[in-house]
Amino acid sequence: MLNRLALLLCTSVFIFLAACGGSKGSGAQSSGGTGKGEGLTKQDDVPKVDELKKAHEEAVSITEENHNLAREIFDLQNKLNVE
């Protein structure tokens, strides 16, 4: 009983610390700058419009493919009478 409680406590602390430590832009430290606003104004950090359009098209394509595969799986399960 005590071992399970200790395991549960350790797991919840780990998840909490991972969630807090993984969030970007929070806390006193800021990534990519020295506190003078340099990190957000660099041209290298700003994504290009063409790159964004390409990424959007890829995401839409993958979403459509996922939808079609899910439909095929559903149809095959119905043919086999599997729930």
N, C-alpha and C. Protein backbone atom coordinates (compact mmCIF):
# COMPACT_ATOMS: atom_id res chain seq x y z
N MET A 1 0.83 -1.19 0.00
CA MET A 1 0.00 0.00 0.00
C MET A 1 0.86 1.25 0.00
N LEU A 2 1.88 1.27 0.86
CA LEU A 2 2.76 2.42 0.96
C LEU A 2 3.59 2.59 -0.31
N ASN A 3 4.00 1.47 -0.92
CA ASN A 3 4.78 1.53 -2.15
C ASN A 3 3.96 2.12 -3.30
N ARG A 4 2.69 1.74 -3.37
CA ARG A 4 1.82 2.28 -4.42
C ARG A 4 1.59 3.77 -4.21
N LEU A 5 1.44 4.18 -2.98
CA LEU A 5 1.24 5.60 -2.69
C LEU A 5 2.48 6.40 -3.04
N ALA A 6 3.65 5.86 -2.72
CA ALA A 6 4.91 6.53 -3.05
C ALA A 6 5.09 6.61 -4.56
N LEU A 7 4.74 5.54 -5.26
CA LEU A 7 4.84 5.53 -6.72
C LEU A 7 3.89 6.56 -7.34
N LEU A 8 2.69 6.63 -6.82
CA LEU A 8 1.72 7.60 -7.31
C LEU A 8 2.20 9.02 -7.06
N LEU A 9 2.76 9.27 -5.91
CA LEU A 9 3.28 10.59 -5.58
C LEU A 9 4.44 10.97 -6.49
N CYS A 10 5.36 10.05 -6.69
CA CYS A 10 6.51 10.32 -7.57
C CYS A 10 6.06 10.57 -9.00
N THR A 11 5.12 9.79 -9.47
CA THR A 11 4.62 9.95 -10.83
C THR A 11 3.94 11.29 -11.01
N SER A 12 3.11 11.69 -10.06
CA SER A 12 2.42 12.97 -10.17
C SER A 12 3.40 14.14 -10.11
N VAL A 13 4.42 14.04 -9.27
CA VAL A 13 5.44 15.10 -9.20
C VAL A 13 6.19 15.18 -10.51
N PHE A 14 6.55 14.03 -11.08
CA PHE A 14 7.26 14.01 -12.36
C PHE A 14 6.43 14.65 -13.46
N ILE A 15 5.15 14.30 -13.54
CA ILE A 15 4.27 14.87 -14.57
C ILE A 15 4.14 16.37 -14.37
N PHE A 16 3.99 16.81 -13.14
CA PHE A 16 3.86 18.24 -12.86
C PHE A 16 5.12 18.99 -13.27
N LEU A 17 6.28 18.46 -12.91
CA LEU A 17 7.53 19.13 -13.27
C LEU A 17 7.77 19.11 -14.77
N ALA A 18 7.41 18.03 -15.43
CA ALA A 18 7.58 17.96 -16.88
C ALA A 18 6.66 18.96 -17.57
N ALA A 19 5.45 19.12 -17.07
CA ALA A 19 4.52 20.07 -17.67
C ALA A 19 4.98 21.51 -17.45
N CYS A 20 5.47 21.81 -16.29
CA CYS A 20 5.92 23.17 -16.00
C CYS A 20 7.24 23.47 -16.70
N GLY A 21 8.13 22.53 -16.74
CA GLY A 21 9.43 22.75 -17.35
C GLY A 21 9.39 22.76 -18.86
N GLY A 22 8.38 22.16 -19.44
CA GLY A 22 8.31 22.08 -20.89
C GLY A 22 7.60 23.24 -21.55
N SER A 23 6.96 24.09 -20.79
CA SER A 23 6.24 25.20 -21.41
C SER A 23 7.20 26.29 -21.83
N LYS A 24 7.03 26.75 -23.06
CA LYS A 24 7.93 27.77 -23.60
C LYS A 24 7.38 29.16 -23.28
N GLY A 25 8.29 30.08 -23.06
CA GLY A 25 7.90 31.46 -22.85
C GLY A 25 7.45 31.78 -21.45
N SER A 26 7.48 30.84 -20.54
CA SER A 26 7.07 31.13 -19.18
C SER A 26 8.29 31.19 -18.29
N GLY A 27 8.17 31.89 -17.21
CA GLY A 27 9.28 31.98 -16.27
C GLY A 27 10.17 33.17 -16.56
N ALA A 28 11.26 33.26 -15.82
CA ALA A 28 12.15 34.40 -15.94
C ALA A 28 13.07 34.30 -17.14
N GLN A 29 13.33 33.09 -17.62
CA GLN A 29 14.23 32.91 -18.74
C GLN A 29 13.45 32.96 -20.04
N SER A 30 14.03 33.64 -21.01
CA SER A 30 13.43 33.68 -22.33
C SER A 30 14.43 33.13 -23.32
N SER A 31 13.98 32.28 -24.21
CA SER A 31 14.90 31.67 -25.16
C SER A 31 15.06 32.56 -26.39
N GLY A 32 16.29 32.64 -26.87
CA GLY A 32 16.54 33.35 -28.12
C GLY A 32 16.84 34.82 -27.98
N GLY A 33 17.02 35.34 -26.81
CA GLY A 33 17.29 36.77 -26.69
C GLY A 33 18.03 37.10 -25.42
N THR A 34 18.48 38.35 -25.34
CA THR A 34 19.22 38.78 -24.16
C THR A 34 18.37 39.69 -23.30
N GLY A 35 17.07 39.73 -23.53
CA GLY A 35 16.20 40.59 -22.75
C GLY A 35 15.98 41.94 -23.40
N LYS A 36 16.61 42.17 -24.55
CA LYS A 36 16.46 43.45 -25.25
C LYS A 36 15.52 43.33 -26.44
N GLY A 37 14.84 42.21 -26.59
CA GLY A 37 13.89 42.05 -27.69
C GLY A 37 14.55 41.56 -28.96
N GLU A 38 15.78 41.08 -28.90
CA GLU A 38 16.48 40.65 -30.10
C GLU A 38 15.91 39.36 -30.66
N GLY A 39 15.42 38.48 -29.82
CA GLY A 39 15.00 37.16 -30.24
C GLY A 39 13.83 37.15 -31.21
N LEU A 40 12.94 38.11 -31.12
CA LEU A 40 11.76 38.11 -31.96
C LEU A 40 11.92 38.91 -33.24
N THR A 41 12.96 39.69 -33.37
CA THR A 41 13.10 40.55 -34.53
C THR A 41 14.06 40.02 -35.57
N LYS A 42 14.72 38.90 -35.33
CA LYS A 42 15.65 38.35 -36.30
C LYS A 42 14.89 37.81 -37.50
N GLN A 43 15.42 38.03 -38.68
CA GLN A 43 14.79 37.55 -39.90
C GLN A 43 14.85 36.03 -39.99
N ASP A 44 15.88 35.42 -39.41
CA ASP A 44 16.03 33.98 -39.48
C ASP A 44 14.95 33.25 -38.69
N ASP A 45 14.42 33.87 -37.65
CA ASP A 45 13.43 33.24 -36.79
C ASP A 45 12.02 33.31 -37.38
N VAL A 46 11.78 34.20 -38.32
CA VAL A 46 10.45 34.39 -38.89
C VAL A 46 10.27 33.41 -40.05
N PRO A 47 9.23 32.55 -39.99
CA PRO A 47 9.01 31.61 -41.09
C PRO A 47 8.55 32.33 -42.35
N LYS A 48 8.94 31.82 -43.47
CA LYS A 48 8.56 32.40 -44.76
C LYS A 48 7.13 31.99 -45.09
N VAL A 49 6.47 32.82 -45.91
CA VAL A 49 5.09 32.56 -46.30
C VAL A 49 5.00 31.27 -47.10
N ASP A 50 5.96 31.04 -47.99
CA ASP A 50 5.95 29.82 -48.80
C ASP A 50 6.09 28.58 -47.93
N GLU A 51 6.94 28.66 -46.89
CA GLU A 51 7.13 27.54 -46.00
C GLU A 51 5.84 27.24 -45.23
N LEU A 52 5.15 28.29 -44.81
CA LEU A 52 3.89 28.11 -44.09
C LEU A 52 2.82 27.49 -44.98
N LYS A 53 2.75 27.95 -46.23
CA LYS A 53 1.76 27.38 -47.15
C LYS A 53 2.06 25.92 -47.43
N LYS A 54 3.34 25.60 -47.61
CA LYS A 54 3.73 24.21 -47.87
C LYS A 54 3.40 23.33 -46.67
N ALA A 55 3.70 23.81 -45.48
CA ALA A 55 3.40 23.05 -44.27
C ALA A 55 1.90 22.85 -44.11
N HIS A 56 1.11 23.87 -44.44
CA HIS A 56 -0.35 23.76 -44.35
C HIS A 56 -0.87 22.74 -45.34
N GLU A 57 -0.36 22.77 -46.58
CA GLU A 57 -0.79 21.80 -47.58
C GLU A 57 -0.44 20.37 -47.17
N GLU A 58 0.74 20.19 -46.59
CA GLU A 58 1.14 18.86 -46.12
C GLU A 58 0.24 18.39 -44.99
N ALA A 59 -0.10 19.29 -44.09
CA ALA A 59 -0.98 18.93 -42.97
C ALA A 59 -2.36 18.55 -43.47
N VAL A 60 -2.88 19.28 -44.43
CA VAL A 60 -4.20 18.97 -44.98
C VAL A 60 -4.16 17.62 -45.70
N SER A 61 -3.09 17.38 -46.44
CA SER A 61 -2.94 16.11 -47.15
C SER A 61 -2.88 14.94 -46.18
N ILE A 62 -2.11 15.08 -45.12
CA ILE A 62 -1.99 14.02 -44.12
C ILE A 62 -3.32 13.79 -43.41
N THR A 63 -4.05 14.86 -43.14
CA THR A 63 -5.35 14.74 -42.48
C THR A 63 -6.33 14.00 -43.38
N GLU A 64 -6.33 14.32 -44.67
CA GLU A 64 -7.22 13.63 -45.61
C GLU A 64 -6.85 12.15 -45.72
N GLU A 65 -5.55 11.86 -45.77
CA GLU A 65 -5.11 10.48 -45.84
C GLU A 65 -5.53 9.71 -44.59
N ASN A 66 -5.39 10.34 -43.43
CA ASN A 66 -5.80 9.72 -42.17
C ASN A 66 -7.29 9.44 -42.17
N HIS A 67 -8.08 10.37 -42.68
CA HIS A 67 -9.53 10.20 -42.73
C HIS A 67 -9.89 9.03 -43.65
N ASN A 68 -9.22 8.95 -44.80
CA ASN A 68 -9.51 7.87 -45.73
C ASN A 68 -9.12 6.51 -45.15
N LEU A 69 -7.99 6.45 -44.46
CA LEU A 69 -7.58 5.19 -43.84
C LEU A 69 -8.55 4.78 -42.73
N ALA A 70 -9.00 5.74 -41.95
CA ALA A 70 -9.97 5.44 -40.89
C ALA A 70 -11.27 4.92 -41.49
N ARG A 71 -11.69 5.49 -42.61
CA ARG A 71 -12.91 5.03 -43.28
C ARG A 71 -12.72 3.61 -43.80
N GLU A 72 -11.56 3.32 -44.39
CA GLU A 72 -11.28 1.96 -44.87
C GLU A 72 -11.30 0.95 -43.72
N ILE A 73 -10.69 1.31 -42.61
CA ILE A 73 -10.69 0.42 -41.45
C ILE A 73 -12.11 0.17 -40.96
N PHE A 74 -12.90 1.22 -40.91
CA PHE A 74 -14.28 1.09 -40.47
C PHE A 74 -15.07 0.17 -41.40
N ASP A 75 -14.89 0.36 -42.71
CA ASP A 75 -15.59 -0.49 -43.68
C ASP A 75 -15.16 -1.94 -43.56
N LEU A 76 -13.87 -2.17 -43.41
CA LEU A 76 -13.38 -3.55 -43.28
C LEU A 76 -13.87 -4.21 -41.99
N GLN A 77 -13.95 -3.44 -40.92
CA GLN A 77 -14.46 -3.99 -39.67
C GLN A 77 -15.95 -4.35 -39.82
N ASN A 78 -16.69 -3.54 -40.54
CA ASN A 78 -18.09 -3.86 -40.77
C ASN A 78 -18.26 -5.10 -41.61
N LYS A 79 -17.37 -5.28 -42.61
CA LYS A 79 -17.45 -6.48 -43.44
C LYS A 79 -17.14 -7.74 -42.62
N LEU A 80 -16.24 -7.61 -41.66
CA LEU A 80 -15.87 -8.76 -40.83
C LEU A 80 -16.75 -8.91 -39.60
N ASN A 81 -17.66 -7.97 -39.41
CA ASN A 81 -18.53 -7.97 -38.23
C ASN A 81 -17.73 -7.90 -36.94
N VAL A 82 -16.71 -7.08 -36.92
CA VAL A 82 -15.86 -6.89 -35.75
C VAL A 82 -16.23 -5.55 -35.13
N GLU A 83 -16.33 -5.57 -33.82
CA GLU A 83 -16.65 -4.32 -33.14
C GLU A 83 -15.42 -3.73 -32.50
